Amino acid sequence: MLPKLDPLLHSELRLAIMSILAGVESADFTFLKGQTGATSGNLSVQIDKLTAANYITVEKGFKGKMPCTTCKITQTGRDAFSQYVSALQEYIQTNK
């Protein structure tokens, strides 16, 4: 039986956010928006969902006088992402 895919990570935008954060120490909102091509509103909603699941942390501050939101993957998020990737690999291997 194939493993269940985490529905929280199965969303295209949330998966993109997690993929980016898995490869960096942290990323600010503007960087994530540019990399994903998401609208500010949609990105904000998806970040909130990942934060509520404890997959990422969000730190709000300022760069000079400009507000800055920085996101970082948590160990829980890293584990969930790793399990998701492993599950996808299992799906691929099964279909060979």
N, C-alpha and C. Protein backbone atom coordinates (compact mmCIF):
# COMPACT_ATOMS: atom_id res chain seq x y z
N MET A 1 0.84 -1.18 0.00
CA MET A 1 0.00 0.00 0.00
C MET A 1 0.89 1.25 0.00
N LEU A 2 0.55 2.20 -0.84
CA LEU A 2 1.34 3.42 -0.95
C LEU A 2 1.07 4.34 0.24
N PRO A 3 2.09 5.09 0.65
CA PRO A 3 1.90 6.03 1.78
C PRO A 3 0.98 7.18 1.39
N LYS A 4 0.29 7.71 2.38
CA LYS A 4 -0.59 8.85 2.17
C LYS A 4 0.27 10.12 2.01
N LEU A 5 -0.12 10.96 1.07
CA LEU A 5 0.56 12.24 0.89
C LEU A 5 -0.04 13.28 1.83
N ASP A 6 0.80 14.02 2.49
CA ASP A 6 0.38 15.06 3.43
C ASP A 6 -0.43 16.10 2.66
N PRO A 7 -1.74 16.23 2.96
CA PRO A 7 -2.58 17.17 2.21
C PRO A 7 -2.14 18.63 2.36
N LEU A 8 -1.50 18.95 3.48
CA LEU A 8 -1.02 20.32 3.67
C LEU A 8 0.10 20.64 2.69
N LEU A 9 0.94 19.66 2.39
CA LEU A 9 2.04 19.88 1.47
C LEU A 9 1.66 19.60 0.02
N HIS A 10 0.52 19.00 -0.19
CA HIS A 10 0.12 18.64 -1.55
C HIS A 10 -0.36 19.84 -2.36
N SER A 11 -0.56 20.96 -1.71
CA SER A 11 -0.91 22.20 -2.40
C SER A 11 0.33 22.72 -3.14
N GLU A 12 0.15 23.14 -4.37
CA GLU A 12 1.28 23.59 -5.19
C GLU A 12 2.06 24.73 -4.53
N LEU A 13 1.37 25.74 -4.03
CA LEU A 13 2.06 26.89 -3.45
C LEU A 13 2.72 26.53 -2.12
N ARG A 14 2.03 25.78 -1.27
CA ARG A 14 2.65 25.40 0.00
C ARG A 14 3.86 24.50 -0.23
N LEU A 15 3.77 23.61 -1.21
CA LEU A 15 4.91 22.76 -1.54
C LEU A 15 6.08 23.60 -2.06
N ALA A 16 5.79 24.61 -2.86
CA ALA A 16 6.84 25.50 -3.36
C ALA A 16 7.50 26.26 -2.21
N ILE A 17 6.71 26.77 -1.28
CA ILE A 17 7.26 27.49 -0.13
C ILE A 17 8.18 26.58 0.66
N MET A 18 7.71 25.36 0.95
CA MET A 18 8.51 24.42 1.73
C MET A 18 9.77 24.01 0.98
N SER A 19 9.67 23.83 -0.32
CA SER A 19 10.85 23.46 -1.13
C SER A 19 11.91 24.55 -1.06
N ILE A 20 11.48 25.78 -1.14
CA ILE A 20 12.42 26.91 -1.06
C ILE A 20 13.04 26.97 0.33
N LEU A 21 12.21 26.90 1.36
CA LEU A 21 12.71 27.03 2.73
C LEU A 21 13.60 25.86 3.15
N ALA A 22 13.40 24.71 2.55
CA ALA A 22 14.23 23.54 2.87
C ALA A 22 15.68 23.75 2.41
N GLY A 23 15.87 24.63 1.45
CA GLY A 23 17.20 24.84 0.90
C GLY A 23 17.93 26.09 1.38
N VAL A 24 17.29 26.86 2.23
CA VAL A 24 17.90 28.11 2.73
C VAL A 24 17.72 28.20 4.25
N GLU A 25 18.49 29.07 4.86
CA GLU A 25 18.33 29.27 6.31
C GLU A 25 17.01 29.95 6.61
N SER A 26 16.67 30.97 5.81
CA SER A 26 15.40 31.68 5.93
C SER A 26 15.16 32.44 4.63
N ALA A 27 13.94 32.90 4.46
CA ALA A 27 13.60 33.67 3.27
C ALA A 27 12.56 34.71 3.64
N ASP A 28 12.70 35.90 3.08
CA ASP A 28 11.70 36.93 3.37
C ASP A 28 10.53 36.82 2.40
N PHE A 29 9.45 37.48 2.77
CA PHE A 29 8.20 37.42 2.02
C PHE A 29 8.41 37.83 0.56
N THR A 30 9.17 38.87 0.34
CA THR A 30 9.39 39.37 -1.02
C THR A 30 10.10 38.33 -1.88
N PHE A 31 11.08 37.65 -1.30
CA PHE A 31 11.80 36.60 -2.02
C PHE A 31 10.85 35.46 -2.36
N LEU A 32 10.07 35.01 -1.38
CA LEU A 32 9.12 33.92 -1.63
C LEU A 32 8.09 34.30 -2.69
N LYS A 33 7.63 35.54 -2.63
CA LYS A 33 6.64 36.01 -3.61
C LYS A 33 7.26 36.00 -5.01
N GLY A 34 8.48 36.46 -5.13
CA GLY A 34 9.15 36.48 -6.42
C GLY A 34 9.43 35.08 -6.97
N GLN A 35 9.83 34.19 -6.10
CA GLN A 35 10.16 32.82 -6.53
C GLN A 35 8.92 32.02 -6.91
N THR A 36 7.82 32.25 -6.21
CA THR A 36 6.61 31.46 -6.46
C THR A 36 5.66 32.10 -7.46
N GLY A 37 5.77 33.41 -7.65
CA GLY A 37 4.85 34.11 -8.54
C GLY A 37 3.46 34.28 -7.94
N ALA A 38 3.33 34.05 -6.65
CA ALA A 38 2.04 34.14 -5.97
C ALA A 38 1.67 35.60 -5.70
N THR A 39 0.39 35.83 -5.51
CA THR A 39 -0.04 37.16 -5.09
C THR A 39 0.27 37.29 -3.60
N SER A 40 0.36 38.51 -3.13
CA SER A 40 0.64 38.74 -1.71
C SER A 40 -0.41 38.10 -0.82
N GLY A 41 -1.67 38.24 -1.19
CA GLY A 41 -2.76 37.68 -0.38
C GLY A 41 -2.71 36.17 -0.30
N ASN A 42 -2.52 35.51 -1.44
CA ASN A 42 -2.47 34.05 -1.46
C ASN A 42 -1.25 33.54 -0.70
N LEU A 43 -0.11 34.18 -0.91
CA LEU A 43 1.10 33.78 -0.21
C LEU A 43 0.92 33.92 1.29
N SER A 44 0.33 35.00 1.72
CA SER A 44 0.09 35.24 3.14
C SER A 44 -0.79 34.15 3.75
N VAL A 45 -1.86 33.79 3.06
CA VAL A 45 -2.78 32.75 3.53
C VAL A 45 -2.04 31.41 3.67
N GLN A 46 -1.23 31.07 2.67
CA GLN A 46 -0.53 29.78 2.70
C GLN A 46 0.56 29.77 3.78
N ILE A 47 1.21 30.88 3.99
CA ILE A 47 2.20 30.99 5.08
C ILE A 47 1.50 30.80 6.42
N ASP A 48 0.32 31.39 6.58
CA ASP A 48 -0.44 31.22 7.82
C ASP A 48 -0.77 29.75 8.06
N LYS A 49 -1.17 29.03 7.02
CA LYS A 49 -1.50 27.60 7.16
C LYS A 49 -0.27 26.79 7.56
N LEU A 50 0.88 27.08 6.96
CA LEU A 50 2.11 26.36 7.31
C LEU A 50 2.56 26.70 8.73
N THR A 51 2.34 27.95 9.13
CA THR A 51 2.69 28.36 10.49
C THR A 51 1.79 27.67 11.51
N ALA A 52 0.49 27.59 11.23
CA ALA A 52 -0.45 26.94 12.14
C ALA A 52 -0.11 25.46 12.34
N ALA A 53 0.47 24.83 11.31
CA ALA A 53 0.87 23.42 11.41
C ALA A 53 2.26 23.26 12.04
N ASN A 54 2.90 24.38 12.40
CA ASN A 54 4.25 24.38 12.95
C ASN A 54 5.28 23.87 11.94
N TYR A 55 5.00 24.04 10.65
CA TYR A 55 5.96 23.65 9.61
C TYR A 55 6.97 24.76 9.36
N ILE A 56 6.55 26.00 9.63
CA ILE A 56 7.46 27.14 9.49
C ILE A 56 7.24 28.11 10.65
N THR A 57 8.22 28.97 10.87
CA THR A 57 8.05 30.08 11.81
C THR A 57 8.11 31.36 11.01
N VAL A 58 7.45 32.38 11.53
CA VAL A 58 7.42 33.68 10.88
C VAL A 58 7.89 34.73 11.87
N GLU A 59 8.82 35.55 11.42
CA GLU A 59 9.33 36.64 12.25
C GLU A 59 9.08 37.95 11.51
N LYS A 60 8.43 38.87 12.18
CA LYS A 60 8.14 40.18 11.56
C LYS A 60 9.06 41.22 12.17
N GLY A 61 9.60 42.05 11.31
CA GLY A 61 10.49 43.10 11.76
C GLY A 61 10.57 44.19 10.71
N PHE A 62 11.67 44.90 10.71
CA PHE A 62 11.87 45.99 9.75
C PHE A 62 13.26 45.92 9.16
N LYS A 63 13.37 46.28 7.89
CA LYS A 63 14.64 46.53 7.22
C LYS A 63 14.64 48.03 6.97
N GLY A 64 15.34 48.74 7.80
CA GLY A 64 15.24 50.19 7.75
C GLY A 64 13.85 50.57 8.23
N LYS A 65 13.12 51.27 7.37
CA LYS A 65 11.75 51.67 7.72
C LYS A 65 10.70 50.77 7.08
N MET A 66 11.17 49.80 6.31
CA MET A 66 10.25 48.92 5.59
C MET A 66 9.95 47.66 6.42
N PRO A 67 8.67 47.27 6.51
CA PRO A 67 8.35 46.02 7.21
C PRO A 67 8.94 44.83 6.48
N CYS A 68 9.35 43.83 7.24
CA CYS A 68 9.97 42.64 6.66
C CYS A 68 9.44 41.40 7.40
N THR A 69 8.91 40.46 6.64
CA THR A 69 8.44 39.19 7.18
C THR A 69 9.41 38.11 6.72
N THR A 70 9.98 37.39 7.68
CA THR A 70 10.96 36.35 7.37
C THR A 70 10.42 34.99 7.80
N CYS A 71 10.53 34.00 6.92
CA CYS A 71 10.04 32.66 7.19
C CYS A 71 11.22 31.69 7.29
N LYS A 72 11.04 30.71 8.17
CA LYS A 72 12.07 29.69 8.38
C LYS A 72 11.39 28.36 8.61
N ILE A 73 11.91 27.30 8.01
CA ILE A 73 11.35 25.97 8.20
C ILE A 73 11.70 25.45 9.59
N THR A 74 10.78 24.76 10.23
CA THR A 74 11.02 24.17 11.54
C THR A 74 11.47 22.71 11.35
N GLN A 75 11.91 22.08 12.43
CA GLN A 75 12.27 20.67 12.33
C GLN A 75 11.04 19.83 11.99
N THR A 76 9.89 20.20 12.54
CA THR A 76 8.64 19.51 12.21
C THR A 76 8.36 19.63 10.71
N GLY A 77 8.54 20.83 10.18
CA GLY A 77 8.33 21.06 8.75
C GLY A 77 9.34 20.31 7.90
N ARG A 78 10.59 20.30 8.34
CA ARG A 78 11.63 19.58 7.61
C ARG A 78 11.33 18.08 7.57
N ASP A 79 10.87 17.55 8.69
CA ASP A 79 10.51 16.12 8.75
C ASP A 79 9.32 15.82 7.85
N ALA A 80 8.29 16.67 7.89
CA ALA A 80 7.10 16.48 7.06
C ALA A 80 7.46 16.57 5.58
N PHE A 81 8.32 17.52 5.23
CA PHE A 81 8.74 17.68 3.84
C PHE A 81 9.52 16.45 3.38
N SER A 82 10.42 15.97 4.22
CA SER A 82 11.22 14.79 3.90
C SER A 82 10.32 13.56 3.71
N GLN A 83 9.33 13.40 4.58
CA GLN A 83 8.39 12.28 4.45
C GLN A 83 7.56 12.40 3.16
N TYR A 84 7.19 13.62 2.81
CA TYR A 84 6.42 13.85 1.59
C TYR A 84 7.25 13.47 0.36
N VAL A 85 8.51 13.88 0.34
CA VAL A 85 9.39 13.56 -0.78
C VAL A 85 9.61 12.05 -0.86
N SER A 86 9.81 11.42 0.28
CA SER A 86 9.99 9.96 0.31
C SER A 86 8.75 9.24 -0.22
N ALA A 87 7.58 9.74 0.16
CA ALA A 87 6.33 9.14 -0.31
C ALA A 87 6.22 9.28 -1.83
N LEU A 88 6.58 10.44 -2.35
CA LEU A 88 6.54 10.64 -3.81
C LEU A 88 7.51 9.69 -4.50
N GLN A 89 8.68 9.52 -3.93
CA GLN A 89 9.66 8.59 -4.51
C GLN A 89 9.11 7.17 -4.53
N GLU A 90 8.39 6.81 -3.48
CA GLU A 90 7.78 5.48 -3.42
C GLU A 90 6.73 5.32 -4.52
N TYR A 91 5.94 6.37 -4.75
CA TYR A 91 4.95 6.33 -5.83
C TYR A 91 5.65 6.14 -7.17
N ILE A 92 6.75 6.84 -7.38
CA ILE A 92 7.49 6.74 -8.64
C ILE A 92 8.07 5.34 -8.82
N GLN A 93 8.66 4.79 -7.78
CA GLN A 93 9.26 3.46 -7.85
C GLN A 93 8.21 2.38 -8.13
N THR A 94 7.02 2.55 -7.57
CA THR A 94 5.95 1.58 -7.75
C THR A 94 5.50 1.52 -9.20
N ASN A 95 5.57 2.63 -9.89
CA ASN A 95 5.08 2.69 -11.27
C ASN A 95 6.14 2.40 -12.32
N LYS A 96 7.31 1.96 -11.91
CA LYS A 96 8.37 1.64 -12.89
C LYS A 96 8.18 0.25 -13.43
